[in-house]
Amino acid sequence: MKQHFIVQAIMSVHPNDCLVPVGAVCTRDELHAILKTQNIKGYKMKSVDDEPVADWEKADWVMI
C-alpha cells in the first residue's frame, strides 16, 4: 500500500552534502530505491501519512 513519507535527507550536491526535506508517495519497500535516484545518501523518517515520527531527530541515519 502506498503511503506519504516525509524524510530529512542528506543530499549530495557536488562537491557538498546538504540537509533537505524530501517527500515521496510510495510503498515502504520502494522508498529506498526512490531516494537513491535523487542523490540521497541517507535519511531520517520525519512523518508517515501526516503522522509525525516521535523523536525522529534522535534516530540513526539510514544510509543508502
N, C-alpha and C. Protein backbone atom coordinates (compact mmCIF):
# COMPACT_ATOMS: atom_id res chain seq x y z
N MET A 1 0.83 -1.17 0.00
CA MET A 1 0.00 0.00 0.00
C MET A 1 0.89 1.25 0.00
N LYS A 2 0.56 2.20 -0.86
CA LYS A 2 1.35 3.43 -0.92
C LYS A 2 1.04 4.33 0.26
N GLN A 3 2.09 4.99 0.74
CA GLN A 3 1.98 5.92 1.85
C GLN A 3 2.70 7.21 1.48
N HIS A 4 2.45 8.26 2.26
CA HIS A 4 3.13 9.54 2.05
C HIS A 4 4.22 9.67 3.10
N PHE A 5 5.47 9.64 2.66
CA PHE A 5 6.62 9.74 3.56
C PHE A 5 7.25 11.12 3.44
N ILE A 6 7.66 11.69 4.58
CA ILE A 6 8.49 12.89 4.62
C ILE A 6 9.75 12.49 5.39
N VAL A 7 10.90 12.73 4.77
CA VAL A 7 12.16 12.39 5.41
C VAL A 7 13.07 13.61 5.43
N GLN A 8 13.97 13.65 6.40
CA GLN A 8 15.07 14.61 6.40
C GLN A 8 16.23 13.88 5.76
N ALA A 9 16.75 14.41 4.67
CA ALA A 9 17.72 13.67 3.88
C ALA A 9 19.05 14.41 3.75
N ILE A 10 20.10 13.62 3.58
CA ILE A 10 21.41 14.14 3.22
C ILE A 10 21.51 13.98 1.71
N MET A 11 21.52 15.12 1.01
CA MET A 11 21.58 15.09 -0.45
C MET A 11 22.98 15.48 -0.90
N SER A 12 23.50 14.73 -1.84
CA SER A 12 24.81 15.01 -2.39
C SER A 12 24.67 15.98 -3.56
N VAL A 13 25.16 17.20 -3.36
CA VAL A 13 25.19 18.21 -4.41
C VAL A 13 26.66 18.55 -4.60
N HIS A 14 27.26 17.95 -5.60
CA HIS A 14 28.71 18.00 -5.79
C HIS A 14 29.23 19.41 -5.67
N PRO A 15 30.22 19.68 -4.88
CA PRO A 15 31.04 18.78 -4.07
C PRO A 15 30.58 18.69 -2.62
N ASN A 16 29.42 19.21 -2.30
CA ASN A 16 28.97 19.28 -0.91
C ASN A 16 27.78 18.37 -0.64
N ASP A 17 27.51 18.17 0.64
CA ASP A 17 26.30 17.50 1.09
C ASP A 17 25.44 18.55 1.79
N CYS A 18 24.12 18.43 1.67
CA CYS A 18 23.23 19.36 2.35
C CYS A 18 22.03 18.59 2.90
N LEU A 19 21.39 19.19 3.91
CA LEU A 19 20.19 18.59 4.51
C LEU A 19 18.96 19.19 3.84
N VAL A 20 18.06 18.32 3.39
CA VAL A 20 16.83 18.76 2.73
C VAL A 20 15.66 17.88 3.15
N PRO A 21 14.46 18.47 3.26
CA PRO A 21 13.28 17.63 3.46
C PRO A 21 12.85 17.07 2.10
N VAL A 22 12.45 15.82 2.07
CA VAL A 22 12.04 15.17 0.83
C VAL A 22 10.75 14.42 1.10
N GLY A 23 9.80 14.51 0.17
CA GLY A 23 8.55 13.78 0.28
C GLY A 23 8.44 12.76 -0.84
N ALA A 24 7.78 11.65 -0.56
CA ALA A 24 7.56 10.62 -1.58
C ALA A 24 6.26 9.88 -1.26
N VAL A 25 5.53 9.54 -2.31
CA VAL A 25 4.34 8.70 -2.17
C VAL A 25 4.69 7.37 -2.83
N CYS A 26 4.82 6.34 -2.00
CA CYS A 26 5.26 5.04 -2.49
C CYS A 26 5.03 4.01 -1.39
N THR A 27 5.39 2.77 -1.65
CA THR A 27 5.37 1.77 -0.60
C THR A 27 6.65 1.89 0.21
N ARG A 28 6.64 1.37 1.40
CA ARG A 28 7.85 1.42 2.23
C ARG A 28 9.02 0.70 1.54
N ASP A 29 8.72 -0.39 0.83
CA ASP A 29 9.76 -1.13 0.12
C ASP A 29 10.37 -0.32 -1.03
N GLU A 30 9.61 0.59 -1.64
CA GLU A 30 10.09 1.39 -2.76
C GLU A 30 10.87 2.62 -2.32
N LEU A 31 10.71 3.04 -1.07
CA LEU A 31 11.28 4.30 -0.60
C LEU A 31 12.79 4.38 -0.81
N HIS A 32 13.51 3.36 -0.41
CA HIS A 32 14.98 3.35 -0.52
C HIS A 32 15.42 3.57 -1.97
N ALA A 33 14.81 2.85 -2.89
CA ALA A 33 15.18 2.96 -4.31
C ALA A 33 14.85 4.34 -4.87
N ILE A 34 13.72 4.91 -4.48
CA ILE A 34 13.33 6.23 -4.96
C ILE A 34 14.31 7.28 -4.46
N LEU A 35 14.68 7.23 -3.19
CA LEU A 35 15.62 8.20 -2.65
C LEU A 35 17.00 8.07 -3.30
N LYS A 36 17.39 6.86 -3.61
CA LYS A 36 18.69 6.63 -4.24
C LYS A 36 18.77 7.34 -5.60
N THR A 37 17.67 7.37 -6.34
CA THR A 37 17.68 8.03 -7.66
C THR A 37 17.78 9.55 -7.55
N GLN A 38 17.56 10.10 -6.35
CA GLN A 38 17.59 11.55 -6.14
C GLN A 38 18.89 12.03 -5.49
N ASN A 39 19.94 11.22 -5.57
CA ASN A 39 21.25 11.55 -4.97
C ASN A 39 21.19 11.72 -3.45
N ILE A 40 20.31 10.97 -2.81
CA ILE A 40 20.20 10.98 -1.36
C ILE A 40 21.18 9.94 -0.80
N LYS A 41 21.99 10.38 0.18
CA LYS A 41 22.97 9.49 0.79
C LYS A 41 22.46 8.83 2.07
N GLY A 42 21.54 9.50 2.75
CA GLY A 42 20.99 8.97 3.98
C GLY A 42 19.75 9.75 4.37
N TYR A 43 18.93 9.19 5.28
CA TYR A 43 17.71 9.87 5.68
C TYR A 43 17.25 9.46 7.07
N LYS A 44 16.40 10.33 7.65
CA LYS A 44 15.68 10.04 8.89
C LYS A 44 14.21 10.26 8.59
N MET A 45 13.37 9.35 9.00
CA MET A 45 11.93 9.42 8.76
C MET A 45 11.31 10.47 9.67
N LYS A 46 10.66 11.50 9.09
CA LYS A 46 10.00 12.55 9.87
C LYS A 46 8.51 12.29 10.07
N SER A 47 7.81 11.82 9.01
CA SER A 47 6.39 11.53 9.15
C SER A 47 5.95 10.51 8.10
N VAL A 48 4.88 9.81 8.44
CA VAL A 48 4.26 8.83 7.55
C VAL A 48 2.77 9.14 7.54
N ASP A 49 2.24 9.42 6.36
CA ASP A 49 0.81 9.76 6.22
C ASP A 49 0.39 10.86 7.19
N ASP A 50 1.20 11.91 7.26
CA ASP A 50 0.94 13.09 8.10
C ASP A 50 0.98 12.82 9.59
N GLU A 51 1.46 11.66 10.00
CA GLU A 51 1.64 11.34 11.42
C GLU A 51 3.13 11.49 11.75
N PRO A 52 3.48 12.45 12.62
CA PRO A 52 4.90 12.64 12.93
C PRO A 52 5.53 11.41 13.59
N VAL A 53 6.78 11.19 13.28
CA VAL A 53 7.55 10.12 13.92
C VAL A 53 8.16 10.72 15.19
N ALA A 54 7.86 10.14 16.32
CA ALA A 54 8.36 10.64 17.60
C ALA A 54 9.88 10.58 17.66
N ASP A 55 10.48 11.67 18.13
CA ASP A 55 11.94 11.76 18.32
C ASP A 55 12.74 11.41 17.07
N TRP A 56 12.25 11.80 15.90
CA TRP A 56 12.96 11.47 14.66
C TRP A 56 14.36 12.08 14.64
N GLU A 57 14.54 13.23 15.32
CA GLU A 57 15.85 13.89 15.32
C GLU A 57 16.91 13.02 15.99
N LYS A 58 16.51 12.19 16.94
CA LYS A 58 17.44 11.35 17.68
C LYS A 58 17.70 10.00 17.00
N ALA A 59 16.94 9.71 15.95
CA ALA A 59 17.09 8.42 15.26
C ALA A 59 18.42 8.36 14.51
N ASP A 60 18.90 7.17 14.28
CA ASP A 60 20.10 6.98 13.47
C ASP A 60 19.79 7.24 12.00
N TRP A 61 20.78 7.71 11.26
CA TRP A 61 20.63 7.90 9.82
C TRP A 61 20.54 6.54 9.13
N VAL A 62 19.61 6.41 8.21
CA VAL A 62 19.51 5.23 7.36
C VAL A 62 20.33 5.55 6.12
N MET A 63 21.47 4.89 5.96
CA MET A 63 22.36 5.20 4.84
C MET A 63 21.96 4.41 3.60
N ILE A 64 22.10 5.07 2.47
CA ILE A 64 21.73 4.45 1.18
C ILE A 64 23.01 4.09 0.44
